[in-house]
Amino acid sequence: MTTPIGQAAVAQKGWWLSHRFLLLRRLCQLTVLALFLLGPLAGIWVLKGNLAASVLLDTIPLSDPLVWLQTLLAGKALELSLGLGALLVAGIYLVLGGRVFCSWVCPVNPVTDAASWLRRRLGLNRSGTLSRSLRYWMLGMVLALPLVTGALVWELVNPVSLTMRGLLYGMGAGWGLIVAIFAFDLFMVRRGWCGHLCPLGAFYALLGRLSPLRINASQRSRCNDCMDCYALCPEPQVIKPALKGEPLGNSSLILAPECTNCGRCIDVCSESVFEFSTRFANKAERPS
């Protein structure tokens, strides 16, 4: 009988160490939402605005770099604060790893995680096939549309923006889009939206290519090939080069920019193969 995914980690490390990064991510996502909601609900304006553009403590501008880039390409008049906010946010994700946004902040992430969890529970193993490079073509389209139309066309249908605005001000018809993404991931393509289509994820992957924060399979000689990390990773293709020393060199670092630094591989590994590290870390010991 096959051991349920993660059960070995719980038995070896305990429940908290087997779920800590999952719980910390949910706490981070809820905290971001709560900071935005404090203003409308309690009159305490920590963050004013939304993920596209906001102000921290009525002083520090924060802007989505992709929204800023679309605005620039559309030929719109740009406020200095919008540009400064975009540079600040870009700098933060450049250091932490671009796709940290996807796993630690994005409001759509719990939806796609829930669809992935339900797929496993229902035993829906069959999945449609989409190229993971398709998201980069989507990003190209998102950037081309403002040049052609002079408008931020993508932001009219961007699930991330619509979900965040909906959570803050009321979802309305936005619920339909969220349900569609959930159903797409559940019945059609595993991790279809975040792993194959989302242009915002592609943008942050490009932004974080040189990020110093990385996950390191530093104890990969302990790996017992249970495959639990592959089963839960939203981008499982990034694991093998670090875990098996393929295809280039012997680095144990997960260097692929698509890695979301979600930490689930650390959680679920009963042998504690993975850890957060930096791209400057020493190479792992070579398997004996």
Protein backbone atom coordinates (compact mmCIF):
# COMPACT_ATOMS: atom_id res chain seq x y z
CA MET A 1 0.00 0.00 0.00
CA THR A 2 1.34 3.42 -0.97
CA THR A 3 2.14 5.76 1.91
CA PRO A 4 0.08 8.98 1.66
CA ILE A 5 2.07 12.01 0.54
CA GLY A 6 3.70 13.69 3.51
CA GLN A 7 2.87 11.01 6.05
CA ALA A 8 6.49 9.88 6.34
CA ALA A 9 7.57 13.46 7.03
CA VAL A 10 4.95 13.84 9.76
CA ALA A 11 6.08 10.58 11.37
CA GLN A 12 9.76 11.56 11.16
CA LYS A 13 9.66 15.30 11.93
CA GLY A 14 6.28 15.98 13.52
CA TRP A 15 3.24 17.83 12.20
CA TRP A 16 4.58 21.39 12.59
CA LEU A 17 7.88 20.83 10.78
CA SER A 18 5.99 19.04 8.02
CA HIS A 19 3.62 21.96 7.46
CA ARG A 20 5.45 25.05 8.71
CA PHE A 21 6.12 26.77 5.40
CA LEU A 22 2.61 26.04 4.16
CA LEU A 23 1.17 27.62 7.31
CA LEU A 24 3.59 30.56 7.18
CA ARG A 25 2.60 31.22 3.58
CA ARG A 26 -1.08 31.27 4.49
CA LEU A 27 -0.31 33.58 7.40
CA CYS A 28 1.61 35.91 5.08
CA GLN A 29 -1.22 35.98 2.53
CA LEU A 30 -3.79 36.67 5.23
CA THR A 31 -1.59 39.36 6.79
CA VAL A 32 -1.26 41.21 3.48
CA LEU A 33 -5.03 41.09 3.02
CA ALA A 34 -5.61 42.19 6.63
CA LEU A 35 -3.28 45.17 6.27
CA PHE A 36 -5.27 46.35 3.26
CA LEU A 37 -8.58 45.76 5.06
CA LEU A 38 -7.62 47.59 8.25
CA GLY A 39 -8.27 50.92 6.57
CA PRO A 40 -11.79 50.35 5.22
CA LEU A 41 -12.89 48.31 8.25
CA ALA A 42 -11.15 50.00 11.18
CA GLY A 43 -9.83 53.29 9.86
CA ILE A 44 -6.22 52.19 10.40
CA TRP A 45 -4.47 52.87 7.10
CA VAL A 46 -1.36 50.70 7.03
CA LEU A 47 -1.72 49.85 3.35
CA LYS A 48 -3.97 52.00 1.20
CA GLY A 49 -4.87 50.77 -2.28
CA ASN A 50 -4.38 47.28 -3.69
CA LEU A 51 -1.64 45.08 -5.14
CA ALA A 52 -1.50 47.11 -8.35
CA ALA A 53 -0.69 50.37 -6.53
CA SER A 54 -0.69 51.23 -2.86
CA VAL A 55 0.86 53.43 -0.21
CA LEU A 56 2.46 52.10 2.96
CA LEU A 57 1.80 54.24 6.04
CA ASP A 58 0.76 57.15 3.81
CA THR A 59 4.41 57.57 2.85
CA ILE A 60 6.03 54.73 0.92
CA PRO A 61 4.67 54.01 -2.59
CA LEU A 62 4.35 50.40 -3.70
CA SER A 63 3.44 49.46 -7.26
CA ASP A 64 3.20 46.30 -9.32
CA PRO A 65 6.20 46.48 -11.71
CA LEU A 66 4.25 44.75 -14.48
CA VAL A 67 1.42 47.28 -14.20
CA TRP A 68 3.99 50.08 -14.33
CA LEU A 69 5.61 48.55 -17.42
CA GLN A 70 2.23 48.21 -19.16
CA THR A 71 1.46 51.84 -18.32
CA LEU A 72 4.79 52.89 -19.78
CA LEU A 73 4.20 50.93 -22.99
CA ALA A 74 0.69 52.37 -23.29
CA GLY A 75 2.22 55.85 -23.41
CA LYS A 76 0.34 57.05 -20.36
CA ALA A 77 1.59 59.92 -18.23
CA LEU A 78 3.52 58.37 -15.35
CA GLU A 79 3.55 59.66 -11.81
CA LEU A 80 6.96 59.63 -10.14
CA SER A 81 5.54 57.76 -7.14
CA LEU A 82 4.30 54.93 -9.40
CA GLY A 83 7.76 54.46 -10.85
CA LEU A 84 9.45 54.62 -7.47
CA GLY A 85 6.97 52.14 -6.05
CA ALA A 86 7.59 49.76 -8.95
CA LEU A 87 11.35 49.96 -8.45
CA LEU A 88 10.98 49.31 -4.73
CA VAL A 89 8.75 46.26 -5.21
CA ALA A 90 10.97 44.95 -8.01
CA GLY A 91 14.01 45.31 -5.76
CA ILE A 92 12.33 43.36 -2.96
CA TYR A 93 11.41 40.45 -5.21
CA LEU A 94 14.78 40.55 -6.95
CA VAL A 95 16.37 39.80 -3.58
CA LEU A 96 13.81 37.30 -2.26
CA GLY A 97 13.19 35.50 -5.54
CA GLY A 98 10.67 36.84 -8.00
CA ARG A 99 8.15 34.06 -7.63
CA VAL A 100 8.03 34.47 -3.87
CA PHE A 101 5.13 36.74 -4.82
CA CYS A 102 3.32 33.74 -6.32
CA SER A 103 3.54 31.52 -3.25
CA TRP A 104 3.63 34.01 -0.37
CA VAL A 105 1.47 36.97 -1.50
CA CYS A 106 -0.72 36.19 -4.52
CA PRO A 107 -4.42 35.80 -3.56
CA VAL A 108 -4.98 33.25 -6.34
CA ASN A 109 -2.40 30.86 -4.87
CA PRO A 110 -4.74 29.39 -2.19
CA VAL A 111 -7.29 28.71 -4.95
CA THR A 112 -4.85 26.77 -7.13
CA ASP A 113 -3.38 25.02 -4.08
CA ALA A 114 -6.89 23.92 -3.11
CA ALA A 115 -7.51 22.57 -6.62
CA SER A 116 -4.23 20.64 -6.49
CA TRP A 117 -5.10 19.21 -3.06
CA LEU A 118 -8.55 18.11 -4.27
CA ARG A 119 -7.04 16.49 -7.37
CA ARG A 120 -4.92 14.32 -5.11
CA ARG A 121 -7.80 13.50 -2.80
CA LEU A 122 -10.04 12.49 -5.71
CA GLY A 123 -7.26 10.57 -7.43
CA LEU A 124 -7.51 12.64 -10.61
CA ASN A 125 -4.18 11.59 -12.06
CA ARG A 126 -4.88 12.33 -15.70
CA SER A 127 -3.95 15.83 -16.80
CA GLY A 128 -3.98 17.77 -20.00
CA THR A 129 -0.67 18.98 -21.41
CA LEU A 130 0.45 22.55 -21.86
CA SER A 131 3.94 23.88 -22.41
CA ARG A 132 5.32 25.65 -19.36
CA SER A 133 6.83 28.20 -21.73
CA LEU A 134 3.32 29.27 -22.72
CA ARG A 135 3.26 31.71 -19.78
CA TYR A 136 6.17 33.61 -21.35
CA TRP A 137 4.22 33.95 -24.58
CA MET A 138 1.31 35.17 -22.48
CA LEU A 139 3.62 37.74 -20.91
CA GLY A 140 4.70 38.88 -24.37
CA MET A 141 1.04 39.33 -25.32
CA VAL A 142 0.35 41.28 -22.12
CA LEU A 143 3.19 43.68 -22.96
CA ALA A 144 2.24 43.94 -26.65
CA LEU A 145 -1.39 44.86 -26.03
CA PRO A 146 -0.65 48.29 -24.49
CA LEU A 147 1.56 49.14 -27.46
CA VAL A 148 -1.24 48.32 -29.88
CA THR A 149 -4.25 49.60 -27.95
CA GLY A 150 -2.82 52.29 -25.68
CA ALA A 151 -4.66 50.67 -22.77
CA LEU A 152 -3.88 48.26 -19.96
CA VAL A 153 -6.05 45.55 -21.49
CA TRP A 154 -4.71 42.71 -19.33
CA GLU A 155 -5.63 44.45 -16.11
CA LEU A 156 -9.29 44.24 -17.11
CA VAL A 157 -9.17 40.44 -16.79
CA ASN A 158 -6.08 39.80 -14.63
CA PRO A 159 -7.22 37.20 -12.05
CA VAL A 160 -4.68 38.41 -9.48
CA SER A 161 -5.82 42.02 -9.63
CA LEU A 162 -9.49 41.12 -9.82
CA THR A 163 -9.27 38.72 -6.88
CA MET A 164 -7.48 41.22 -4.68
CA ARG A 165 -9.86 44.03 -5.56
CA GLY A 166 -12.77 41.66 -5.04
CA LEU A 167 -11.56 40.65 -1.58
CA LEU A 168 -11.19 44.31 -0.65
CA TYR A 169 -14.27 45.79 -2.28
CA GLY A 170 -16.58 42.87 -3.16
CA MET A 171 -16.10 40.11 -5.70
CA GLY A 172 -19.17 40.50 -7.89
CA ALA A 173 -18.63 38.76 -11.24
CA GLY A 174 -15.02 38.07 -10.21
CA TRP A 175 -16.22 34.89 -8.51
CA GLY A 176 -16.83 33.40 -11.95
CA LEU A 177 -13.20 33.85 -12.94
CA ILE A 178 -11.95 32.31 -9.70
CA VAL A 179 -14.27 29.31 -10.13
CA ALA A 180 -13.06 28.92 -13.72
CA ILE A 181 -9.40 28.83 -12.62
CA PHE A 182 -10.21 26.33 -9.87
CA ALA A 183 -12.10 24.07 -12.30
CA PHE A 184 -9.35 24.38 -14.93
CA ASP A 185 -6.69 23.27 -12.44
CA LEU A 186 -8.89 20.55 -10.97
CA PHE A 187 -10.23 18.87 -14.10
CA MET A 188 -8.03 19.88 -17.03
CA VAL A 189 -4.38 20.68 -16.30
CA ARG A 190 -2.56 20.15 -13.01
CA ARG A 191 -1.29 23.54 -11.84
CA GLY A 192 -2.57 24.82 -15.16
CA TRP A 193 -2.89 28.48 -14.28
CA CYS A 194 0.14 29.16 -12.07
CA GLY A 195 2.44 26.62 -13.69
CA HIS A 196 1.63 27.16 -17.35
CA LEU A 197 -0.37 30.29 -18.12
CA CYS A 198 0.01 33.13 -15.62
CA PRO A 199 1.97 36.00 -17.22
CA LEU A 200 2.53 37.65 -13.83
CA GLY A 201 4.29 34.50 -12.66
CA ALA A 202 6.41 34.57 -15.81
CA PHE A 203 7.32 38.20 -15.16
CA TYR A 204 8.39 37.51 -11.59
CA ALA A 205 10.35 34.45 -12.74
CA LEU A 206 12.36 36.67 -15.09
CA LEU A 207 12.77 39.26 -12.36
CA GLY A 208 14.11 36.73 -9.89
CA ARG A 209 16.62 34.96 -12.14
CA LEU A 210 19.56 36.35 -10.15
CA SER A 211 17.92 36.25 -6.75
CA PRO A 212 20.34 35.22 -3.98
CA LEU A 213 17.67 33.32 -2.02
CA ARG A 214 17.47 29.71 -3.18
CA ILE A 215 16.40 26.29 -2.00
CA ASN A 216 19.30 23.92 -1.65
CA ALA A 217 19.18 20.11 -1.78
CA SER A 218 22.26 20.16 0.42
CA GLN A 219 21.64 16.69 1.87
CA ARG A 220 20.61 15.03 -1.36
CA SER A 221 22.64 11.89 -0.57
CA ARG A 222 19.90 11.13 2.00
CA CYS A 223 17.18 11.08 -0.68
CA ASN A 224 15.19 7.83 -0.62
CA ASP A 225 13.31 8.57 -3.88
CA CYS A 226 9.93 8.73 -2.17
CA MET A 227 8.86 11.39 -4.74
CA ASP A 228 6.78 13.35 -2.21
CA CYS A 229 8.58 16.59 -3.11
CA TYR A 230 7.72 16.09 -6.79
CA ALA A 231 4.09 15.38 -5.92
CA LEU A 232 3.62 18.63 -3.99
CA CYS A 233 5.96 21.02 -5.79
CA PRO A 234 4.04 23.47 -8.01
CA GLU A 235 7.00 23.41 -10.44
CA PRO A 236 8.34 19.84 -10.09
CA GLN A 237 10.62 20.15 -13.12
CA VAL A 238 12.95 22.42 -11.11
CA ILE A 239 13.84 19.73 -8.56
CA LYS A 240 15.73 17.10 -10.57
CA PRO A 241 18.78 19.19 -11.57
CA ALA A 242 19.52 19.98 -7.92
CA LEU A 243 18.52 16.64 -6.45
CA LYS A 244 20.25 14.43 -9.01
CA GLY A 245 23.05 16.72 -10.17
CA GLU A 246 21.62 16.97 -13.66
CA PRO A 247 21.95 18.16 -16.34
CA LEU A 248 24.78 20.60 -15.58
CA GLY A 249 27.49 20.30 -12.96
CA ASN A 250 26.98 19.15 -9.43
CA SER A 251 25.20 22.12 -7.86
CA SER A 252 22.60 21.22 -5.29
CA LEU A 253 20.94 24.62 -5.65
CA ILE A 254 17.56 24.97 -7.31
CA LEU A 255 18.50 27.73 -9.73
CA ALA A 256 15.50 27.58 -12.07
CA PRO A 257 13.69 30.94 -11.91
CA GLU A 258 10.33 29.17 -11.97
CA CYS A 259 10.88 27.94 -8.38
CA THR A 260 8.43 29.76 -6.12
CA ASN A 261 10.44 29.32 -2.90
CA CYS A 262 7.25 27.97 -1.32
CA GLY A 263 9.19 25.59 0.94
CA ARG A 264 6.87 22.63 0.46
CA CYS A 265 9.77 20.39 -0.58
CA ILE A 266 11.39 21.25 2.78
CA ASP A 267 8.15 20.51 4.63
CA VAL A 268 7.34 17.20 3.03
CA CYS A 269 10.83 15.63 2.91
CA SER A 270 11.18 13.10 5.71
CA GLU A 271 14.95 12.99 5.20
CA SER A 272 15.46 16.78 5.47
CA VAL A 273 17.17 16.93 2.10
CA PHE A 274 16.19 20.54 1.36
CA GLU A 275 16.80 23.85 3.11
CA PHE A 276 16.62 27.56 2.35
CA SER A 277 20.03 28.87 1.41
CA THR A 278 21.66 31.31 -1.01
CA ARG A 279 23.08 30.96 -4.49
CA PHE A 280 26.52 31.47 -2.94
CA ALA A 281 26.24 28.35 -0.76
CA ASN A 282 28.77 25.54 -1.10
CA LYS A 283 27.93 22.65 -3.34
CA ALA A 284 26.35 19.61 -1.77
CA GLU A 285 28.44 16.63 -0.92
CA ARG A 286 28.70 14.29 -3.86
CA PRO A 287 26.65 11.13 -3.51
CA SER A 288 28.84 8.26 -2.31
